[in-house]
Structure formats: structure tokens, C-alpha cells
């Protein structure tokens, strides 16, 4: 196993789809996910990846912006590590890499949302020093 952390190249974003598909509770189709990722890459979006040789085994989307309450921020999105690679300390190493990447971009704060029922992620993020600031509401049209 030869693991590395890097930014997923825009031309390789299609590799992210199978992992994000596993994460989604609402099971958005892979076709729609690909369409959305094509649009996202034109915005302030990047995706960090964990590769085992050439196989993508973990992802974390990153949105960059400035917010009035937190300054220059990076919001993590769709953080997911394949089941076979969990419980080996990889998430902690990935978060450290992501933090250093954010700091290299002069980011002041890191934010994220996690599904309400994903209790394992809540524990992980608390252990990583995240605090609950508020609730995330969603209204579909």
C-alpha cells in the first residue's frame, strides 16, 4: 500500500463519483453527480484525494470563500474514505494534510456539514477540534 494525498485534477473528477455516490443518503444518480461536479469545478471548488497507488480511496471537497463571521474560509464537503481503508488513522492524516493545504492558501477557518445520523463522523470531527456553530437547513424547490 502506497498512500498519497493530493488535489484531484479537474480532468480526473469523474474518479470522485463512485465514492461520493456511496456517501449520499438520498442516492443521487451518478449521471446527475457528474453534471454537478462539472459545474462545481467552474466555481471555487477543489477536491482533495487519497490515492493508493493510482486508486482513489478517499475524497474531500473544498469550497473557498470569505464569510462575514469567520473570514477567509474553506468548507469541507463530501468527506469520504472507502470502507476498506477506515480505522487505520488515515482520516486523521488526511485532515492534517487538508489543514496544511488550507493554511497554504491563507485560510483562517475550516467548516463542514455532516449528516445528522452519521454519528461516527460527529465523534471524529469533535476529536479533530470542530465545534457545532449552528444548524444547516435545506429547502428544495
C-alpha atoms as a PDB file:
ATOM      1  CA  UNK A   1       0.000   0.000   0.000  1.00  0.00           C
ATOM      2  CA  UNK A   2       1.487   3.304  -1.169  1.00  0.00           C
ATOM      3  CA  UNK A   3      -0.778   6.131   0.018  1.00  0.00           C
ATOM      4  CA  UNK A   4      -0.548   9.758  -1.093  1.00  0.00           C
ATOM      5  CA  UNK A   5      -2.613  12.919  -0.629  1.00  0.00           C
ATOM      6  CA  UNK A   6      -3.110  15.349  -3.491  1.00  0.00           C
ATOM      7  CA  UNK A   7      -5.569  17.590  -5.285  1.00  0.00           C
ATOM      8  CA  UNK A   8      -7.648  15.632  -7.796  1.00  0.00           C
ATOM      9  CA  UNK A   9      -7.023  17.135 -11.230  1.00  0.00           C
ATOM     10  CA  UNK A  10     -10.104  18.638 -12.894  1.00  0.00           C
ATOM     11  CA  UNK A  11      -9.830  16.187 -15.762  1.00  0.00           C
ATOM     12  CA  UNK A  12      -9.970  13.313 -13.225  1.00  0.00           C
ATOM     13  CA  UNK A  13     -13.003  14.491 -11.221  1.00  0.00           C
ATOM     14  CA  UNK A  14     -15.017  11.611 -12.692  1.00  0.00           C
ATOM     15  CA  UNK A  15     -12.985   9.338 -10.356  1.00  0.00           C
ATOM     16  CA  UNK A  16     -14.698  11.005  -7.369  1.00  0.00           C
ATOM     17  CA  UNK A  17     -18.227   9.998  -8.392  1.00  0.00           C
ATOM     18  CA  UNK A  18     -18.251   6.366  -7.112  1.00  0.00           C
ATOM     19  CA  UNK A  19     -17.083   7.443  -3.627  1.00  0.00           C
ATOM     20  CA  UNK A  20     -19.488  10.387  -3.370  1.00  0.00           C
ATOM     21  CA  UNK A  21     -22.293   8.115  -4.561  1.00  0.00           C
ATOM     22  CA  UNK A  22     -21.632   5.785  -1.589  1.00  0.00           C
ATOM     23  CA  UNK A  23     -21.774   8.749   0.796  1.00  0.00           C
ATOM     24  CA  UNK A  24     -25.086  10.235  -0.367  1.00  0.00           C
ATOM     25  CA  UNK A  25     -28.071   9.291   1.751  1.00  0.00           C
ATOM     26  CA  UNK A  26     -30.506  10.371  -0.975  1.00  0.00           C
ATOM     27  CA  UNK A  27     -28.771   8.349  -3.708  1.00  0.00           C
ATOM     28  CA  UNK A  28     -28.440  10.989  -6.352  1.00  0.00           C
ATOM     29  CA  UNK A  29     -27.763   9.289  -9.684  1.00  0.00           C
ATOM     30  CA  UNK A  30     -24.190   9.083 -10.900  1.00  0.00           C
ATOM     31  CA  UNK A  31     -25.218  10.991 -14.047  1.00  0.00           C
ATOM     32  CA  UNK A  32     -26.538  13.932 -12.027  1.00  0.00           C
ATOM     33  CA  UNK A  33     -23.486  13.826  -9.734  1.00  0.00           C
ATOM     34  CA  UNK A  34     -21.197  14.077 -12.775  1.00  0.00           C
ATOM     35  CA  UNK A  35     -23.182  17.016 -14.167  1.00  0.00           C
ATOM     36  CA  UNK A  36     -22.945  18.788 -10.818  1.00  0.00           C
ATOM     37  CA  UNK A  37     -19.220  18.133 -10.473  1.00  0.00           C
ATOM     38  CA  UNK A  38     -18.646  19.568 -13.951  1.00  0.00           C
ATOM     39  CA  UNK A  39     -20.431  22.731 -12.843  1.00  0.00           C
ATOM     40  CA  UNK A  40     -18.678  22.800  -9.442  1.00  0.00           C
ATOM     41  CA  UNK A  41     -15.233  22.778 -10.996  1.00  0.00           C
ATOM     42  CA  UNK A  42     -16.047  26.147 -12.572  1.00  0.00           C
ATOM     43  CA  UNK A  43     -16.700  27.602  -9.109  1.00  0.00           C
ATOM     44  CA  UNK A  44     -14.364  27.988  -6.088  1.00  0.00           C
ATOM     45  CA  UNK A  45     -14.177  24.218  -5.667  1.00  0.00           C
ATOM     46  CA  UNK A  46     -11.297  21.774  -5.411  1.00  0.00           C
ATOM     47  CA  UNK A  47     -11.193  18.139  -4.360  1.00  0.00           C
ATOM     48  CA  UNK A  48      -8.507  16.531  -2.210  1.00  0.00           C
ATOM     49  CA  UNK A  49      -7.911  12.850  -2.727  1.00  0.00           C
ATOM     50  CA  UNK A  50      -6.241   9.922  -1.069  1.00  0.00           C
ATOM     51  CA  UNK A  51      -4.653   7.587  -3.583  1.00  0.00           C
ATOM     52  CA  UNK A  52      -3.411   4.061  -3.003  1.00  0.00           C
ATOM     53  CA  UNK A  53      -1.033   3.950  -5.941  1.00  0.00           C
ATOM     54  CA  UNK A  54      -3.439   5.012  -8.749  1.00  0.00           C
ATOM     55  CA  UNK A  55      -6.680   4.046  -6.973  1.00  0.00           C
ATOM     56  CA  UNK A  56      -8.712   6.883  -5.412  1.00  0.00           C
ATOM     57  CA  UNK A  57      -9.769   5.658  -1.938  1.00  0.00           C
ATOM     58  CA  UNK A  58     -10.752   8.894  -0.185  1.00  0.00           C
ATOM     59  CA  UNK A  59     -12.052  12.350  -1.073  1.00  0.00           C
ATOM     60  CA  UNK A  60     -12.833  15.704   0.491  1.00  0.00           C
ATOM     61  CA  UNK A  61     -14.382  18.524  -1.479  1.00  0.00           C
ATOM     62  CA  UNK A  62     -13.172  22.008  -0.564  1.00  0.00           C
ATOM     63  CA  UNK A  63     -15.022  25.281  -1.175  1.00  0.00           C
ATOM     64  CA  UNK A  64     -13.115  28.544  -0.731  1.00  0.00           C
ATOM     65  CA  UNK A  65     -14.793  31.860   0.155  1.00  0.00           C
ATOM     66  CA  UNK A  66     -14.885  34.695   2.677  1.00  0.00           C
ATOM     67  CA  UNK A  67     -17.662  34.849   5.269  1.00  0.00           C
ATOM     68  CA  UNK A  68     -18.516  37.810   7.490  1.00  0.00           C
ATOM     69  CA  UNK A  69     -18.370  35.711  10.684  1.00  0.00           C
ATOM     70  CA  UNK A  70     -15.278  33.623  10.002  1.00  0.00           C
ATOM     71  CA  UNK A  71     -13.095  35.445   7.470  1.00  0.00           C
ATOM     72  CA  UNK A  72     -11.353  33.532   4.701  1.00  0.00           C
ATOM     73  CA  UNK A  73     -12.823  30.040   4.951  1.00  0.00           C
ATOM     74  CA  UNK A  74     -12.699  26.605   3.459  1.00  0.00           C
ATOM     75  CA  UNK A  75     -15.793  24.428   3.757  1.00  0.00           C
ATOM     76  CA  UNK A  76     -15.258  20.700   3.545  1.00  0.00           C
ATOM     77  CA  UNK A  77     -17.838  18.799   1.537  1.00  0.00           C
ATOM     78  CA  UNK A  78     -18.407  15.090   0.848  1.00  0.00           C
ATOM     79  CA  UNK A  79     -15.559  13.788   3.025  1.00  0.00           C
ATOM     80  CA  UNK A  80     -15.424  10.052   2.453  1.00  0.00           C
ATOM     81  CA  UNK A  81     -12.901   7.239   2.860  1.00  0.00           C
ATOM     82  CA  UNK A  82     -13.607   3.822   1.362  1.00  0.00           C
ATOM     83  CA  UNK A  83     -14.635   1.217   3.956  1.00  0.00           C
ATOM     84  CA  UNK A  84     -11.534  -0.931   3.374  1.00  0.00           C
ATOM     85  CA  UNK A  85      -9.271   1.973   4.403  1.00  0.00           C
ATOM     86  CA  UNK A  86     -11.083   3.065   7.575  1.00  0.00           C
ATOM     87  CA  UNK A  87      -9.973   2.643  11.194  1.00  0.00           C
ATOM     88  CA  UNK A  88      -6.285   2.879  10.286  1.00  0.00           C
ATOM     89  CA  UNK A  89      -5.661   6.514  11.251  1.00  0.00           C
ATOM     90  CA  UNK A  90      -5.982   7.619   7.636  1.00  0.00           C
ATOM     91  CA  UNK A  91      -8.762  10.140   8.352  1.00  0.00           C
ATOM     92  CA  UNK A  92      -6.584  11.939  10.908  1.00  0.00           C
ATOM     93  CA  UNK A  93      -3.662  12.085   8.450  1.00  0.00           C
ATOM     94  CA  UNK A  94      -5.981  13.313   5.684  1.00  0.00           C
ATOM     95  CA  UNK A  95      -7.379  16.080   7.892  1.00  0.00           C
ATOM     96  CA  UNK A  96      -3.852  17.162   8.789  1.00  0.00           C
ATOM     97  CA  UNK A  97      -2.938  17.335   5.091  1.00  0.00           C
ATOM     98  CA  UNK A  98      -6.128  19.291   4.341  1.00  0.00           C
ATOM     99  CA  UNK A  99      -5.411  21.740   7.177  1.00  0.00           C
ATOM    100  CA  UNK A 100      -1.888  22.366   5.881  1.00  0.00           C
ATOM    101  CA  UNK A 101      -3.243  22.854   2.362  1.00  0.00           C
ATOM    102  CA  UNK A 102      -5.795  25.370   3.677  1.00  0.00           C
ATOM    103  CA  UNK A 103      -3.110  27.234   5.615  1.00  0.00           C
ATOM    104  CA  UNK A 104      -1.012  27.468   2.434  1.00  0.00           C
ATOM    105  CA  UNK A 105      -3.976  29.346   0.908  1.00  0.00           C
ATOM    106  CA  UNK A 106      -4.158  31.709   3.937  1.00  0.00           C
ATOM    107  CA  UNK A 107      -7.470  30.257   5.106  1.00  0.00           C
ATOM    108  CA  UNK A 108      -8.499  31.338   8.620  1.00  0.00           C
ATOM    109  CA  UNK A 109     -11.246  28.815   9.359  1.00  0.00           C
ATOM    110  CA  UNK A 110     -12.451  25.419   8.217  1.00  0.00           C
ATOM    111  CA  UNK A 111     -16.139  24.481   8.242  1.00  0.00           C
ATOM    112  CA  UNK A 112     -18.163  21.425   7.340  1.00  0.00           C
ATOM    113  CA  UNK A 113     -21.603  19.880   7.418  1.00  0.00           C
ATOM    114  CA  UNK A 114     -22.242  16.259   8.274  1.00  0.00           C
ATOM    115  CA  UNK A 115     -25.399  14.193   8.075  1.00  0.00           C
ATOM    116  CA  UNK A 116     -27.387  14.185  11.327  1.00  0.00           C
ATOM    117  CA  UNK A 117     -27.385  10.372  11.573  1.00  0.00           C
ATOM    118  CA  UNK A 118     -23.665   9.976  10.836  1.00  0.00           C
ATOM    119  CA  UNK A 119     -22.660   9.618  14.498  1.00  0.00           C
ATOM    120  CA  UNK A 120     -19.214   8.200  13.735  1.00  0.00           C
ATOM    121  CA  UNK A 121     -18.344  11.352  11.793  1.00  0.00           C
ATOM    122  CA  UNK A 122     -19.556  13.560  14.659  1.00  0.00           C
ATOM    123  CA  UNK A 123     -17.152  11.874  17.068  1.00  0.00           C
ATOM    124  CA  UNK A 124     -14.317  12.139  14.543  1.00  0.00           C
ATOM    125  CA  UNK A 125     -14.871  15.866  13.930  1.00  0.00           C
ATOM    126  CA  UNK A 126     -15.150  16.639  17.650  1.00  0.00           C
ATOM    127  CA  UNK A 127     -11.815  14.843  18.135  1.00  0.00           C
ATOM    128  CA  UNK A 128     -10.379  16.998  15.330  1.00  0.00           C
ATOM    129  CA  UNK A 129     -11.336  20.171  17.236  1.00  0.00           C
ATOM    130  CA  UNK A 130     -14.517  21.157  15.365  1.00  0.00           C
ATOM    131  CA  UNK A 131     -17.329  22.788  17.324  1.00  0.00           C
ATOM    132  CA  UNK A 132     -21.018  22.955  16.433  1.00  0.00           C
ATOM    133  CA  UNK A 133     -21.816  26.542  15.448  1.00  0.00           C
ATOM    134  CA  UNK A 134     -25.376  26.175  14.199  1.00  0.00           C
ATOM    135  CA  UNK A 135     -27.801  24.117  12.153  1.00  0.00           C
ATOM    136  CA  UNK A 136     -27.705  23.662   8.397  1.00  0.00           C
ATOM    137  CA  UNK A 137     -31.151  23.991   6.830  1.00  0.00           C
ATOM    138  CA  UNK A 138     -32.101  22.913   3.316  1.00  0.00           C
ATOM    139  CA  UNK A 139     -35.221  23.644   1.272  1.00  0.00           C
ATOM    140  CA  UNK A 140     -35.536  22.031  -2.143  1.00  0.00           C
ATOM    141  CA  UNK A 141     -37.506  23.723  -4.910  1.00  0.00           C
END
